[in-house]
Amino acid sequence: MAGYFFDSSALVKLYHPEAGTPVVDQIVNTAGNQVRVSRLTVAELTSAFAIKVRTQSISREDAEFFLRQFPKRHRDWQARGFLYRESEFTGTELLVERYAFDRRLRALDALQLAVALELRNQKLVDHFVAADAILCEVARLEGFSVINPERS
């Protein structure tokens, strides 16, 4: 059984067909795979869909439909959604200090990665899934097996 931590940049592909959607679908729909997300993912999905509405990639009605589907479709993910503790914020600070000056790692991306690292320490995830090249690079530097669905 493999564990996957999904950043919202990859998870959004499950709801809106785009480059990388087949890879995300395969991971999510393979029996035995365990998908984990952080609590931040819900807000980031909302933000991602809002961008798609503003750029007219999808309608507001579609965005609202997708957002309603997340808790219904993946109730088990929410039960496994990781809540933040002081250690994740400390980890975030360390990641930003280590990588942000040279690789433009953003704070919220660092928080997602800090959560994934903690879950990996608990042996709950093996792979980090994101569609953000910088975040994937930093996750790889942190020793993750990285899947960028847009490049697979």
C-alpha atoms as a PDB file:
ATOM      1  CA  MET A   1       0.000   0.000   0.000  1.00  0.00           C
ATOM      2  CA  ALA A   2       1.504   3.304  -1.105  1.00  0.00           C
ATOM      3  CA  GLY A   3       0.893   6.657   0.572  1.00  0.00           C
ATOM      4  CA  TYR A   4       0.607   9.848  -1.460  1.00  0.00           C
ATOM      5  CA  PHE A   5       0.585  13.403  -0.179  1.00  0.00           C
ATOM      6  CA  PHE A   6      -1.258  15.665  -2.615  1.00  0.00           C
ATOM      7  CA  ASP A   7      -0.550  19.358  -2.887  1.00  0.00           C
ATOM      8  CA  SER A   8      -3.566  21.268  -4.164  1.00  0.00           C
ATOM      9  CA  SER A   9      -1.729  22.091  -7.417  1.00  0.00           C
ATOM     10  CA  ALA A  10      -2.095  18.419  -8.346  1.00  0.00           C
ATOM     11  CA  LEU A  11      -5.377  17.689  -6.605  1.00  0.00           C
ATOM     12  CA  VAL A  12      -7.226  20.354  -8.622  1.00  0.00           C
ATOM     13  CA  LYS A  13      -6.654  18.146 -11.682  1.00  0.00           C
ATOM     14  CA  LEU A  14      -9.015  15.589 -10.225  1.00  0.00           C
ATOM     15  CA  TYR A  15     -11.880  18.041 -10.657  1.00  0.00           C
ATOM     16  CA  HIS A  16     -10.971  19.977 -13.779  1.00  0.00           C
ATOM     17  CA  PRO A  17      -9.496  18.115 -16.763  1.00  0.00           C
ATOM     18  CA  GLU A  18      -6.122  19.542 -17.718  1.00  0.00           C
ATOM     19  CA  ALA A  19      -2.544  18.433 -18.235  1.00  0.00           C
ATOM     20  CA  GLY A  20      -1.801  15.742 -15.663  1.00  0.00           C
ATOM     21  CA  THR A  21      -5.387  14.702 -14.954  1.00  0.00           C
ATOM     22  CA  PRO A  22      -4.881  11.081 -16.134  1.00  0.00           C
ATOM     23  CA  VAL A  23      -1.926  10.628 -13.758  1.00  0.00           C
ATOM     24  CA  VAL A  24      -3.900  12.026 -10.811  1.00  0.00           C
ATOM     25  CA  ASP A  25      -6.906   9.858 -11.685  1.00  0.00           C
ATOM     26  CA  GLN A  26      -4.711   6.766 -11.812  1.00  0.00           C
ATOM     27  CA  ILE A  27      -3.135   7.409  -8.411  1.00  0.00           C
ATOM     28  CA  VAL A  28      -6.425   8.266  -6.722  1.00  0.00           C
ATOM     29  CA  ASN A  29      -8.366   5.376  -8.240  1.00  0.00           C
ATOM     30  CA  THR A  30      -5.806   2.617  -7.714  1.00  0.00           C
ATOM     31  CA  ALA A  31      -7.014   0.252  -5.022  1.00  0.00           C
ATOM     32  CA  GLY A  32      -4.858   0.339  -1.918  1.00  0.00           C
ATOM     33  CA  ASN A  33      -3.351   3.776  -2.505  1.00  0.00           C
ATOM     34  CA  GLN A  34      -3.693   6.062   0.502  1.00  0.00           C
ATOM     35  CA  VAL A  35      -4.153   9.751  -0.312  1.00  0.00           C
ATOM     36  CA  ARG A  36      -3.406  12.377   2.309  1.00  0.00           C
ATOM     37  CA  VAL A  37      -3.940  16.113   2.246  1.00  0.00           C
ATOM     38  CA  SER A  38      -3.383  18.920   4.697  1.00  0.00           C
ATOM     39  CA  ARG A  39      -6.135  21.102   6.113  1.00  0.00           C
ATOM     40  CA  LEU A  40      -4.772  23.953   3.986  1.00  0.00           C
ATOM     41  CA  THR A  41      -5.783  22.089   0.820  1.00  0.00           C
ATOM     42  CA  VAL A  42      -9.450  23.076   1.093  1.00  0.00           C
ATOM     43  CA  ALA A  43      -8.602  26.798   1.079  1.00  0.00           C
ATOM     44  CA  GLU A  44      -6.064  26.334  -1.693  1.00  0.00           C
ATOM     45  CA  LEU A  45      -8.574  24.456  -3.850  1.00  0.00           C
ATOM     46  CA  THR A  46     -11.025  27.312  -3.416  1.00  0.00           C
ATOM     47  CA  SER A  47      -8.325  29.765  -4.455  1.00  0.00           C
ATOM     48  CA  ALA A  48      -7.338  27.647  -7.481  1.00  0.00           C
ATOM     49  CA  PHE A  49     -10.927  27.437  -8.677  1.00  0.00           C
ATOM     50  CA  ALA A  50     -11.386  31.177  -8.124  1.00  0.00           C
ATOM     51  CA  ILE A  51      -8.417  31.812 -10.422  1.00  0.00           C
ATOM     52  CA  LYS A  52      -9.981  29.530 -13.043  1.00  0.00           C
ATOM     53  CA  VAL A  53     -13.237  31.496 -12.785  1.00  0.00           C
ATOM     54  CA  ARG A  54     -11.449  34.853 -13.137  1.00  0.00           C
ATOM     55  CA  THR A  55      -9.510  33.596 -16.161  1.00  0.00           C
ATOM     56  CA  GLN A  56     -12.736  32.178 -17.592  1.00  0.00           C
ATOM     57  CA  SER A  57     -11.403  28.602 -17.690  1.00  0.00           C
ATOM     58  CA  ILE A  58     -14.502  27.472 -15.794  1.00  0.00           C
ATOM     59  CA  SER A  59     -17.767  29.044 -14.716  1.00  0.00           C
ATOM     60  CA  ARG A  60     -18.475  30.052 -11.148  1.00  0.00           C
ATOM     61  CA  GLU A  61     -21.195  27.402 -11.058  1.00  0.00           C
ATOM     62  CA  ASP A  62     -18.632  24.747 -12.046  1.00  0.00           C
ATOM     63  CA  ALA A  63     -16.262  25.953  -9.333  1.00  0.00           C
ATOM     64  CA  GLU A  64     -18.986  25.807  -6.708  1.00  0.00           C
ATOM     65  CA  PHE A  65     -19.959  22.314  -7.907  1.00  0.00           C
ATOM     66  CA  PHE A  66     -16.350  21.082  -7.687  1.00  0.00           C
ATOM     67  CA  LEU A  67     -15.970  22.512  -4.189  1.00  0.00           C
ATOM     68  CA  ARG A  68     -19.156  20.798  -3.044  1.00  0.00           C
ATOM     69  CA  GLN A  69     -17.824  17.511  -4.418  1.00  0.00           C
ATOM     70  CA  PHE A  70     -14.594  17.550  -2.423  1.00  0.00           C
ATOM     71  CA  PRO A  71     -16.078  16.689   0.996  1.00  0.00           C
ATOM     72  CA  LYS A  72     -18.615  14.295  -0.504  1.00  0.00           C
ATOM     73  CA  ARG A  73     -16.213  12.510  -2.813  1.00  0.00           C
ATOM     74  CA  HIS A  74     -13.317  12.326  -0.398  1.00  0.00           C
ATOM     75  CA  ARG A  75     -14.767  12.251   3.083  1.00  0.00           C
ATOM     76  CA  ASP A  76     -12.073   9.737   4.057  1.00  0.00           C
ATOM     77  CA  TRP A  77      -9.353  12.180   2.999  1.00  0.00           C
ATOM     78  CA  GLN A  78     -10.742  14.787   5.341  1.00  0.00           C
ATOM     79  CA  ALA A  79     -10.598  12.293   8.181  1.00  0.00           C
ATOM     80  CA  ARG A  80      -6.939  11.853   7.327  1.00  0.00           C
ATOM     81  CA  GLY A  81      -6.335  15.525   6.607  1.00  0.00           C
ATOM     82  CA  PHE A  82      -3.408  16.662   8.662  1.00  0.00           C
ATOM     83  CA  LEU A  83      -3.901  19.402  11.220  1.00  0.00           C
ATOM     84  CA  TYR A  84      -1.055  21.724  12.088  1.00  0.00           C
ATOM     85  CA  ARG A  85       1.056  21.644  15.185  1.00  0.00           C
ATOM     86  CA  GLU A  86       3.949  23.804  16.255  1.00  0.00           C
ATOM     87  CA  SER A  87       6.422  21.363  14.682  1.00  0.00           C
ATOM     88  CA  GLU A  88       4.972  21.929  11.201  1.00  0.00           C
ATOM     89  CA  PHE A  89       5.305  25.693  11.562  1.00  0.00           C
ATOM     90  CA  THR A  90       8.880  25.260  12.745  1.00  0.00           C
ATOM     91  CA  GLY A  91       9.494  22.981   9.761  1.00  0.00           C
ATOM     92  CA  THR A  92       7.971  25.586   7.473  1.00  0.00           C
ATOM     93  CA  GLU A  93      10.307  28.257   8.804  1.00  0.00           C
ATOM     94  CA  LEU A  94      13.317  26.003   8.278  1.00  0.00           C
ATOM     95  CA  LEU A  95      12.270  25.154   4.715  1.00  0.00           C
ATOM     96  CA  VAL A  96      11.763  28.837   3.868  1.00  0.00           C
ATOM     97  CA  GLU A  97      15.158  29.734   5.354  1.00  0.00           C
ATOM     98  CA  ARG A  98      16.828  26.886   3.479  1.00  0.00           C
ATOM     99  CA  TYR A  99      15.211  27.302   0.052  1.00  0.00           C
ATOM    100  CA  ALA A 100      13.255  30.541  -0.435  1.00  0.00           C
ATOM    101  CA  PHE A 101      16.208  32.763  -1.247  1.00  0.00           C
ATOM    102  CA  ASP A 102      17.470  30.610  -4.119  1.00  0.00           C
ATOM    103  CA  ARG A 103      14.389  28.740  -5.281  1.00  0.00           C
ATOM    104  CA  ARG A 104      11.454  31.097  -4.551  1.00  0.00           C
ATOM    105  CA  LEU A 105       9.741  28.640  -2.230  1.00  0.00           C
ATOM    106  CA  ARG A 106       6.530  30.293  -1.007  1.00  0.00           C
ATOM    107  CA  ALA A 107       5.448  30.071   2.635  1.00  0.00           C
ATOM    108  CA  LEU A 108       2.223  28.134   2.031  1.00  0.00           C
ATOM    109  CA  ASP A 109       4.031  25.675  -0.229  1.00  0.00           C
ATOM    110  CA  ALA A 110       6.627  25.237   2.508  1.00  0.00           C
ATOM    111  CA  LEU A 111       3.811  24.556   4.977  1.00  0.00           C
ATOM    112  CA  GLN A 112       2.362  21.875   2.694  1.00  0.00           C
ATOM    113  CA  LEU A 113       5.807  20.302   2.374  1.00  0.00           C
ATOM    114  CA  ALA A 114       6.408  20.485   6.138  1.00  0.00           C
ATOM    115  CA  VAL A 115       3.171  18.560   6.681  1.00  0.00           C
ATOM    116  CA  ALA A 116       4.179  15.986   4.088  1.00  0.00           C
ATOM    117  CA  LEU A 117       7.576  15.577   5.743  1.00  0.00           C
ATOM    118  CA  GLU A 118       5.924  14.960   9.100  1.00  0.00           C
ATOM    119  CA  LEU A 119       3.604  12.391   7.541  1.00  0.00           C
ATOM    120  CA  ARG A 120       6.614  10.721   5.908  1.00  0.00           C
ATOM    121  CA  ASN A 121       8.334  10.601   9.319  1.00  0.00           C
ATOM    122  CA  GLN A 122       5.243   8.795  10.588  1.00  0.00           C
ATOM    123  CA  LYS A 123       5.515   6.356   7.631  1.00  0.00           C
ATOM    124  CA  LEU A 124       2.130   7.523   6.290  1.00  0.00           C
ATOM    125  CA  VAL A 125       3.287   8.819   2.891  1.00  0.00           C
ATOM    126  CA  ASP A 126       5.888   7.699   0.396  1.00  0.00           C
ATOM    127  CA  HIS A 127       5.284  10.096  -2.486  1.00  0.00           C
ATOM    128  CA  PHE A 128       4.775  13.835  -2.834  1.00  0.00           C
ATOM    129  CA  VAL A 129       2.426  14.831  -5.670  1.00  0.00           C
ATOM    130  CA  ALA A 130       2.436  18.413  -6.929  1.00  0.00           C
ATOM    131  CA  ALA A 131       2.193  20.287 -10.217  1.00  0.00           C
ATOM    132  CA  ASP A 132       4.475  23.107  -9.114  1.00  0.00           C
ATOM    133  CA  ALA A 133       8.016  22.766 -10.468  1.00  0.00           C
ATOM    134  CA  ILE A 134       9.668  24.672  -7.616  1.00  0.00           C
ATOM    135  CA  LEU A 135       7.784  22.779  -4.930  1.00  0.00           C
ATOM    136  CA  CYS A 136       8.628  19.480  -6.630  1.00  0.00           C
ATOM    137  CA  GLU A 137      12.311  20.424  -6.772  1.00  0.00           C
ATOM    138  CA  VAL A 138      12.401  21.286  -3.065  1.00  0.00           C
ATOM    139  CA  ALA A 139      10.481  18.127  -2.128  1.00  0.00           C
ATOM    140  CA  ARG A 140      13.025  16.104  -4.098  1.00  0.00           C
ATOM    141  CA  LEU A 141      15.868  17.867  -2.273  1.00  0.00           C
ATOM    142  CA  GLU A 142      14.150  16.855   0.975  1.00  0.00           C
ATOM    143  CA  GLY A 143      14.345  13.223  -0.113  1.00  0.00           C
ATOM    144  CA  PHE A 144      10.827  12.657  -1.393  1.00  0.00           C
ATOM    145  CA  SER A 145       9.821  10.490  -4.292  1.00  0.00           C
ATOM    146  CA  VAL A 146       8.124  13.222  -6.318  1.00  0.00           C
ATOM    147  CA  ILE A 147       5.383  12.907  -8.896  1.00  0.00           C
ATOM    148  CA  ASN A 148       4.583  15.924 -11.051  1.00  0.00           C
ATOM    149  CA  PRO A 149       1.493  14.779 -12.974  1.00  0.00           C
ATOM    150  CA  GLU A 150       2.191  17.343 -15.705  1.00  0.00           C
ATOM    151  CA  ARG A 151       5.568  15.754 -16.413  1.00  0.00           C
ATOM    152  CA  SER A 152       4.808  12.079 -15.968  1.00  0.00           C
END
